[in-house]
C-alpha cells in the first residue's frame, strides 16, 4: 500500500499537478477554496509565509485582500501553475508593506 500511496502523491503533486484544483474540489465537495478563504480573517501581522502553496489559490486570495505573501512549494510544477495564475490576476489594492525583506 505504501508504494502505491507514494506513487499517488508524486503524480498529483508532480506529473498531474494540473489536475490538483479539480481533485481538491471533488474531494471537498466544492468547499476547498471557501475553507482557504475562511482563514484570512484570522491572520495576525503583515508577513505571511505559505508553505506548500499548491496551485496558488490562497496566494491569490491573500493578494486580493491586500497582503503580500511569501510562498514556496517543493513541486516545480505547482510553482509554475501558481506563478501563471498570479501573473494573470488583475492588480488589486495596496497591501501591507514594509522596508525589510520578509522573515529576516
N, C-alpha and C. Protein backbone atom coordinates (compact mmCIF):
# COMPACT_ATOMS: atom_id res chain seq x y z
N UNK A 1 0.82 -1.20 0.00
CA UNK A 1 0.00 0.00 0.00
C UNK A 1 0.86 1.26 0.00
N UNK A 2 1.92 1.26 0.79
CA UNK A 2 2.78 2.45 0.89
C UNK A 2 3.37 2.86 -0.46
N UNK A 3 3.92 1.94 -1.26
CA UNK A 3 4.45 2.35 -2.57
C UNK A 3 3.36 2.94 -3.46
N UNK A 4 2.16 2.41 -3.38
CA UNK A 4 1.05 2.93 -4.18
C UNK A 4 0.68 4.35 -3.73
N UNK A 5 0.68 4.58 -2.44
CA UNK A 5 0.38 5.91 -1.90
C UNK A 5 1.47 6.91 -2.31
N UNK A 6 2.72 6.49 -2.24
CA UNK A 6 3.82 7.36 -2.67
C UNK A 6 3.68 7.72 -4.15
N UNK A 7 3.31 6.75 -4.95
CA UNK A 7 3.11 7.00 -6.38
C UNK A 7 1.97 8.00 -6.59
N UNK A 8 0.86 7.81 -5.87
CA UNK A 8 -0.28 8.73 -6.00
C UNK A 8 0.14 10.16 -5.68
N UNK A 9 0.81 10.35 -4.55
CA UNK A 9 1.20 11.70 -4.15
C UNK A 9 2.22 12.30 -5.12
N UNK A 10 3.16 11.50 -5.60
CA UNK A 10 4.10 12.02 -6.59
C UNK A 10 3.36 12.48 -7.84
N UNK A 11 2.43 11.67 -8.30
CA UNK A 11 1.69 12.03 -9.51
C UNK A 11 0.85 13.28 -9.32
N UNK A 12 0.11 13.37 -8.21
CA UNK A 12 -0.80 14.51 -8.02
C UNK A 12 -0.04 15.82 -7.81
N UNK A 13 1.16 15.74 -7.21
CA UNK A 13 1.92 16.97 -6.97
C UNK A 13 2.95 17.26 -8.05
N UNK A 14 3.23 16.30 -8.90
CA UNK A 14 4.24 16.50 -9.95
C UNK A 14 3.61 16.39 -11.34
N UNK A 15 3.60 15.18 -11.87
CA UNK A 15 3.17 14.98 -13.25
C UNK A 15 1.73 15.41 -13.52
N UNK A 16 0.85 15.23 -12.55
CA UNK A 16 -0.57 15.56 -12.73
C UNK A 16 -0.98 16.79 -11.93
N UNK A 17 -0.04 17.66 -11.63
CA UNK A 17 -0.34 18.86 -10.83
C UNK A 17 -1.45 19.70 -11.44
N UNK A 18 -1.56 19.66 -12.75
CA UNK A 18 -2.59 20.44 -13.43
C UNK A 18 -4.00 20.00 -13.01
N UNK A 19 -4.13 18.79 -12.48
CA UNK A 19 -5.44 18.29 -12.05
C UNK A 19 -5.73 18.59 -10.58
N UNK A 20 -4.78 19.19 -9.87
CA UNK A 20 -4.90 19.38 -8.42
C UNK A 20 -6.16 20.15 -8.02
N UNK A 21 -6.44 21.25 -8.70
CA UNK A 21 -7.63 22.05 -8.34
C UNK A 21 -8.91 21.23 -8.50
N UNK A 22 -8.99 20.47 -9.57
CA UNK A 22 -10.18 19.64 -9.78
C UNK A 22 -10.29 18.56 -8.70
N UNK A 23 -9.18 17.89 -8.41
CA UNK A 23 -9.19 16.84 -7.39
C UNK A 23 -9.58 17.42 -6.03
N UNK A 24 -9.01 18.56 -5.65
CA UNK A 24 -9.34 19.15 -4.35
C UNK A 24 -10.80 19.60 -4.31
N UNK A 25 -11.31 20.07 -5.44
CA UNK A 25 -12.72 20.46 -5.50
C UNK A 25 -13.61 19.24 -5.30
N UNK A 26 -13.27 18.14 -5.96
CA UNK A 26 -14.08 16.91 -5.86
C UNK A 26 -14.06 16.35 -4.44
N UNK A 27 -12.86 16.18 -3.86
CA UNK A 27 -12.79 15.55 -2.53
C UNK A 27 -13.35 16.44 -1.42
N UNK A 28 -13.44 17.75 -1.66
CA UNK A 28 -14.00 18.65 -0.64
C UNK A 28 -15.45 19.03 -0.95
N UNK A 29 -16.02 18.40 -1.94
CA UNK A 29 -17.38 18.70 -2.39
C UNK A 29 -17.52 20.19 -2.70
N UNK A 30 -16.51 20.73 -3.35
CA UNK A 30 -16.54 22.12 -3.79
C UNK A 30 -16.23 23.16 -2.74
N UNK A 31 -15.77 22.75 -1.57
CA UNK A 31 -15.57 23.69 -0.47
C UNK A 31 -14.13 24.12 -0.23
N UNK A 32 -13.17 23.54 -0.95
CA UNK A 32 -11.75 23.80 -0.66
C UNK A 32 -11.40 25.28 -0.66
N UNK A 33 -11.76 26.01 -1.70
CA UNK A 33 -11.44 27.44 -1.77
C UNK A 33 -12.09 28.21 -0.63
N UNK A 34 -13.32 27.87 -0.30
CA UNK A 34 -14.00 28.56 0.80
C UNK A 34 -13.29 28.29 2.12
N UNK A 35 -12.85 27.07 2.34
CA UNK A 35 -12.10 26.76 3.57
C UNK A 35 -10.83 27.60 3.64
N UNK A 36 -10.16 27.74 2.51
CA UNK A 36 -8.95 28.57 2.49
C UNK A 36 -9.29 30.02 2.82
N UNK A 37 -10.31 30.55 2.20
CA UNK A 37 -10.69 31.96 2.41
C UNK A 37 -11.09 32.23 3.86
N UNK A 38 -11.65 31.24 4.52
CA UNK A 38 -12.08 31.44 5.90
C UNK A 38 -10.92 31.64 6.86
N UNK A 39 -9.70 31.33 6.44
CA UNK A 39 -8.54 31.53 7.31
C UNK A 39 -8.07 32.98 7.33
N UNK A 40 -8.38 33.74 6.30
CA UNK A 40 -7.83 35.09 6.14
C UNK A 40 -8.17 36.03 7.29
N UNK A 41 -9.39 36.05 7.82
CA UNK A 41 -9.68 36.97 8.93
C UNK A 41 -8.87 36.68 10.21
N UNK A 42 -8.27 35.51 10.30
CA UNK A 42 -7.53 35.14 11.50
C UNK A 42 -6.04 35.47 11.40
N UNK A 43 -5.62 36.07 10.30
CA UNK A 43 -4.21 36.41 10.11
C UNK A 43 -3.85 37.57 11.02
N UNK A 44 -2.75 37.40 11.74
CA UNK A 44 -2.23 38.45 12.61
C UNK A 44 -0.90 38.89 12.03
N UNK A 45 -0.73 40.18 11.85
CA UNK A 45 0.51 40.69 11.30
C UNK A 45 0.43 40.86 9.80
N UNK A 46 1.54 41.32 9.25
CA UNK A 46 1.58 41.63 7.82
C UNK A 46 2.35 40.60 7.00
N UNK A 47 3.28 39.90 7.63
CA UNK A 47 4.12 38.96 6.89
C UNK A 47 3.50 37.57 6.92
N UNK A 48 3.36 36.99 5.75
CA UNK A 48 2.74 35.67 5.64
C UNK A 48 3.69 34.76 4.86
N UNK A 49 3.98 33.60 5.43
CA UNK A 49 4.76 32.58 4.75
C UNK A 49 3.84 31.40 4.50
N UNK A 50 3.57 31.11 3.25
CA UNK A 50 2.75 29.95 2.91
C UNK A 50 3.67 28.83 2.46
N UNK A 51 3.66 27.74 3.20
CA UNK A 51 4.49 26.58 2.91
C UNK A 51 3.64 25.58 2.12
N UNK A 52 4.18 25.08 1.02
CA UNK A 52 3.47 24.15 0.13
C UNK A 52 2.24 24.84 -0.46
N UNK A 53 2.48 25.88 -1.26
CA UNK A 53 1.41 26.74 -1.77
C UNK A 53 0.51 26.10 -2.80
N UNK A 54 0.87 24.95 -3.32
CA UNK A 54 0.00 24.30 -4.30
C UNK A 54 -0.16 25.16 -5.55
N UNK A 55 -1.37 25.26 -6.05
CA UNK A 55 -1.61 25.96 -7.30
C UNK A 55 -1.81 27.46 -7.13
N UNK A 56 -1.61 27.98 -5.93
CA UNK A 56 -1.61 29.43 -5.73
C UNK A 56 -2.94 30.08 -5.39
N UNK A 57 -3.97 29.29 -5.17
CA UNK A 57 -5.28 29.89 -4.90
C UNK A 57 -5.29 30.75 -3.64
N UNK A 58 -4.69 30.26 -2.56
CA UNK A 58 -4.67 31.06 -1.33
C UNK A 58 -3.84 32.32 -1.53
N UNK A 59 -2.75 32.23 -2.26
CA UNK A 59 -1.95 33.43 -2.55
C UNK A 59 -2.79 34.48 -3.27
N UNK A 60 -3.57 34.05 -4.24
CA UNK A 60 -4.43 34.97 -4.99
C UNK A 60 -5.42 35.65 -4.04
N UNK A 61 -6.02 34.86 -3.16
CA UNK A 61 -6.98 35.43 -2.20
C UNK A 61 -6.28 36.40 -1.24
N UNK A 62 -5.09 36.05 -0.79
CA UNK A 62 -4.34 36.94 0.11
C UNK A 62 -3.98 38.24 -0.60
N UNK A 63 -3.50 38.15 -1.81
CA UNK A 63 -3.13 39.34 -2.58
C UNK A 63 -4.36 40.22 -2.80
N UNK A 64 -5.49 39.60 -3.10
CA UNK A 64 -6.70 40.39 -3.38
C UNK A 64 -7.23 41.08 -2.13
N UNK A 65 -6.82 40.61 -0.95
CA UNK A 65 -7.25 41.28 0.29
C UNK A 65 -6.17 42.21 0.83
N UNK A 66 -5.10 42.41 0.05
CA UNK A 66 -4.10 43.40 0.42
C UNK A 66 -2.82 42.88 1.01
N UNK A 67 -2.65 41.58 1.12
CA UNK A 67 -1.41 41.03 1.66
C UNK A 67 -0.41 40.79 0.54
N UNK A 68 0.86 40.62 0.96
CA UNK A 68 1.92 40.26 0.03
C UNK A 68 2.60 39.00 0.56
N UNK A 69 1.99 37.84 0.31
CA UNK A 69 2.53 36.61 0.88
C UNK A 69 3.85 36.18 0.24
N UNK A 70 4.66 35.52 1.03
CA UNK A 70 5.84 34.84 0.53
C UNK A 70 5.48 33.36 0.58
N UNK A 71 5.73 32.64 -0.49
CA UNK A 71 5.30 31.25 -0.54
C UNK A 71 6.33 30.39 -1.27
N UNK A 72 6.35 29.11 -0.91
CA UNK A 72 7.19 28.17 -1.65
C UNK A 72 6.54 26.80 -1.66
N UNK A 73 6.95 26.00 -2.61
CA UNK A 73 6.45 24.64 -2.76
C UNK A 73 7.59 23.81 -3.32
N UNK A 74 7.73 22.59 -2.84
CA UNK A 74 8.78 21.71 -3.36
C UNK A 74 8.49 21.24 -4.78
N UNK A 75 7.24 21.30 -5.19
CA UNK A 75 6.87 20.87 -6.54
C UNK A 75 7.07 22.01 -7.53
N UNK A 76 7.99 21.80 -8.46
CA UNK A 76 8.22 22.82 -9.50
C UNK A 76 6.97 23.02 -10.35
N UNK A 77 6.22 21.94 -10.57
CA UNK A 77 5.00 22.06 -11.36
C UNK A 77 3.98 22.94 -10.65
N UNK A 78 3.82 22.76 -9.35
CA UNK A 78 2.89 23.62 -8.59
C UNK A 78 3.37 25.07 -8.66
N UNK A 79 4.66 25.27 -8.58
CA UNK A 79 5.21 26.62 -8.67
C UNK A 79 4.89 27.29 -10.00
N UNK A 80 5.02 26.53 -11.08
CA UNK A 80 4.70 27.09 -12.40
C UNK A 80 3.22 27.43 -12.52
N UNK A 81 2.36 26.54 -12.03
CA UNK A 81 0.92 26.79 -12.09
C UNK A 81 0.56 28.03 -11.27
N UNK A 82 1.08 28.10 -10.04
CA UNK A 82 0.79 29.24 -9.17
C UNK A 82 1.30 30.54 -9.79
N UNK A 83 2.50 30.51 -10.30
CA UNK A 83 3.07 31.70 -10.92
C UNK A 83 2.22 32.18 -12.09
N UNK A 84 1.79 31.26 -12.92
CA UNK A 84 0.95 31.60 -14.07
C UNK A 84 -0.38 32.22 -13.60
N UNK A 85 -1.01 31.59 -12.61
CA UNK A 85 -2.29 32.11 -12.10
C UNK A 85 -2.13 33.52 -11.54
N UNK A 86 -1.09 33.72 -10.75
CA UNK A 86 -0.89 35.02 -10.09
C UNK A 86 -0.58 36.10 -11.12
N UNK A 87 0.25 35.78 -12.10
CA UNK A 87 0.59 36.77 -13.13
C UNK A 87 -0.62 37.17 -13.96
N UNK A 88 -1.60 36.31 -14.06
CA UNK A 88 -2.79 36.60 -14.85
C UNK A 88 -3.92 37.23 -14.06
N UNK A 89 -3.66 37.58 -12.80
CA UNK A 89 -4.66 38.27 -11.99
C UNK A 89 -4.54 39.77 -12.20
N UNK A 90 -5.67 40.47 -12.24
CA UNK A 90 -5.58 41.93 -12.33
C UNK A 90 -5.03 42.50 -11.03
N UNK A 91 -4.23 43.57 -11.09
CA UNK A 91 -3.71 44.17 -9.86
C UNK A 91 -4.86 44.73 -9.04
N UNK A 92 -4.81 44.47 -7.73
CA UNK A 92 -5.87 44.96 -6.85
C UNK A 92 -5.27 45.52 -5.58
N UNK A 93 -5.78 46.63 -5.13
CA UNK A 93 -5.46 47.18 -3.82
C UNK A 93 -3.98 47.39 -3.56
N UNK A 94 -3.71 47.88 -2.42
CA UNK A 94 -2.32 48.02 -1.97
C UNK A 94 -2.23 47.32 -0.64
N UNK A 95 -1.36 46.34 -0.57
CA UNK A 95 -1.30 45.51 0.62
C UNK A 95 -0.35 46.02 1.67
N UNK A 96 -0.33 45.31 2.80
CA UNK A 96 0.63 45.66 3.83
C UNK A 96 2.04 45.60 3.26
N UNK A 97 2.87 46.53 3.65
CA UNK A 97 4.24 46.52 3.14
C UNK A 97 5.17 46.99 4.23
N UNK A 98 6.43 46.75 4.03
CA UNK A 98 7.43 47.18 4.98
C UNK A 98 8.75 47.34 4.28
N UNK A 99 9.72 47.91 4.97
CA UNK A 99 11.00 48.15 4.36
C UNK A 99 11.95 46.98 4.45
N UNK A 100 11.62 45.96 5.23
CA UNK A 100 12.53 44.83 5.42
C UNK A 100 12.12 43.65 4.56
N UNK A 101 13.09 42.85 4.14
CA UNK A 101 12.75 41.62 3.45
C UNK A 101 11.93 40.72 4.38
N UNK A 102 11.05 39.87 3.83
CA UNK A 102 10.22 39.04 4.69
C UNK A 102 11.01 37.99 5.44
N UNK A 103 10.63 37.75 6.67
CA UNK A 103 11.15 36.67 7.51
C UNK A 103 12.65 36.73 7.73
N UNK A 104 13.15 37.94 7.99
CA UNK A 104 14.58 38.10 8.27
C UNK A 104 14.77 38.18 9.76
